Amino acid sequence: MRSAGACATVAAFSHTRRRNALIVVKKTARKTAAKTAAVDFETALKELETLVERMEAGDQPLETALKDFERGVELFRICQGALKDAEQKVQILLEKSGQTALSDFDADE
């Protein structure tokens, strides 16, 4: 059975570990937000392609591959958002010119 002093030490240690983990998460989130905010579509797409090539090679340690995957998800979201914004702008321009809807792209035409 643990003494009251030992339980208090374990609780304090657990609290310190949780607090330190939270600090690391917050710092990582800030770094990620700073990286994400400064990236345009073309840069994000190029970095994403590089990450995919590196991951497909399969010679990375697991930890590096996981970090690359996480960054890839961020870059994908940046690209997806930029494309959505561009589509909305095109839609607005088409509506202003009297055309009401976009048609699907057909490469054969």
Protein backbone atom coordinates (compact mmCIF):
# COMPACT_ATOMS: atom_id res chain seq x y z
CA MET A 1 0.00 0.00 0.00
CA ARG A 2 1.28 3.48 -0.84
CA SER A 3 1.71 6.09 1.83
CA ALA A 4 -0.02 9.45 1.58
CA GLY A 5 3.31 11.09 0.76
CA ALA A 6 3.97 8.64 -2.08
CA CYS A 7 0.48 9.19 -3.50
CA ALA A 8 0.96 12.95 -3.39
CA THR A 9 4.32 12.58 -5.19
CA VAL A 10 2.77 10.39 -7.89
CA ALA A 11 -0.12 12.85 -8.32
CA ALA A 12 2.25 15.81 -8.57
CA PHE A 13 4.41 13.93 -11.10
CA SER A 14 1.34 13.02 -13.18
CA HIS A 15 0.14 16.62 -13.09
CA THR A 16 3.57 17.85 -14.21
CA ARG A 17 3.66 15.35 -17.10
CA ARG A 18 0.18 16.39 -18.24
CA ARG A 19 1.09 20.08 -18.02
CA ASN A 20 4.32 19.51 -19.98
CA ALA A 21 2.46 17.50 -22.62
CA LEU A 22 -0.08 20.30 -22.96
CA ILE A 23 2.70 22.86 -23.41
CA VAL A 24 4.26 20.73 -26.17
CA VAL A 25 0.89 20.38 -27.92
CA LYS A 26 0.28 24.14 -27.77
CA LYS A 27 3.76 24.93 -29.13
CA THR A 28 3.32 22.41 -31.93
CA ALA A 29 -0.07 23.87 -32.81
CA ARG A 30 1.41 27.37 -32.98
CA LYS A 31 4.27 26.21 -35.21
CA THR A 32 1.84 24.37 -37.47
CA ALA A 33 -0.45 27.40 -37.71
CA ALA A 34 2.52 29.62 -38.61
CA LYS A 35 3.65 27.19 -41.32
CA THR A 36 0.15 26.80 -42.69
CA ALA A 37 -0.68 30.50 -42.79
CA ALA A 38 2.32 31.38 -44.95
CA VAL A 39 1.85 28.73 -47.66
CA ASP A 40 0.17 29.45 -51.00
CA PHE A 41 -1.43 26.82 -53.23
CA GLU A 42 1.54 26.19 -55.53
CA THR A 43 4.01 25.91 -52.65
CA ALA A 44 1.69 23.60 -50.71
CA LEU A 45 1.14 21.38 -53.75
CA LYS A 46 4.86 21.12 -54.49
CA GLU A 47 5.65 20.26 -50.85
CA LEU A 48 2.83 17.72 -50.80
CA GLU A 49 4.18 16.03 -53.94
CA THR A 50 7.64 15.87 -52.35
CA LEU A 51 6.21 14.32 -49.18
CA VAL A 52 4.29 11.72 -51.18
CA GLU A 53 7.39 10.75 -53.17
CA ARG A 54 9.45 10.45 -49.98
CA MET A 55 6.78 8.36 -48.25
CA GLU A 56 6.27 6.12 -51.29
CA ALA A 57 9.99 5.33 -51.28
CA GLY A 58 9.33 3.61 -47.94
CA ASP A 59 12.77 4.09 -46.43
CA GLN A 60 11.77 6.47 -43.62
CA PRO A 61 11.62 5.65 -39.92
CA LEU A 62 8.07 5.38 -38.63
CA GLU A 63 8.24 8.61 -36.63
CA THR A 64 9.40 10.59 -39.68
CA ALA A 65 6.72 9.02 -41.85
CA LEU A 66 4.05 9.96 -39.31
CA LYS A 67 5.28 13.56 -39.20
CA ASP A 68 5.30 13.68 -42.99
CA PHE A 69 1.78 12.25 -43.07
CA GLU A 70 0.57 14.87 -40.58
CA ARG A 71 2.17 17.64 -42.66
CA GLY A 72 0.65 16.13 -45.79
CA VAL A 73 -2.82 16.35 -44.28
CA GLU A 74 -2.21 20.03 -43.47
CA LEU A 75 -1.00 20.70 -47.01
CA PHE A 76 -3.96 18.83 -48.49
CA ARG A 77 -6.33 21.02 -46.50
CA ILE A 78 -4.54 24.16 -47.70
CA CYS A 79 -4.83 23.01 -51.33
CA GLN A 80 -8.44 21.98 -50.90
CA GLY A 81 -9.32 25.35 -49.37
CA ALA A 82 -7.53 27.27 -52.12
CA LEU A 83 -9.34 25.29 -54.81
CA LYS A 84 -12.69 25.83 -53.10
CA ASP A 85 -12.02 29.58 -52.91
CA ALA A 86 -11.04 29.67 -56.59
CA GLU A 87 -14.18 27.78 -57.58
CA GLN A 88 -16.33 30.24 -55.63
CA LYS A 89 -14.62 33.19 -57.34
CA VAL A 90 -15.20 31.64 -60.76
CA GLN A 91 -18.84 31.02 -59.88
CA ILE A 92 -19.30 34.64 -58.85
CA LEU A 93 -17.67 35.87 -62.07
CA LEU A 94 -19.88 33.58 -64.15
CA GLU A 95 -23.01 34.78 -62.37
CA LYS A 96 -22.01 38.40 -62.98
CA SER A 97 -21.59 37.66 -66.69
CA GLY A 98 -25.01 36.03 -66.91
CA GLN A 99 -23.93 32.38 -66.96
CA THR A 100 -25.62 30.59 -64.08
CA ALA A 101 -23.72 27.32 -63.61
CA LEU A 102 -20.40 25.66 -64.20
CA SER A 103 -20.35 22.64 -66.49
CA ASP A 104 -18.21 19.57 -65.90
CA PHE A 105 -14.85 19.46 -67.65
CA ASP A 106 -14.54 16.95 -70.47
CA ALA A 107 -10.95 16.39 -71.64
CA ASP A 108 -12.17 15.02 -75.00
CA GLU A 109 -13.78 18.31 -76.06
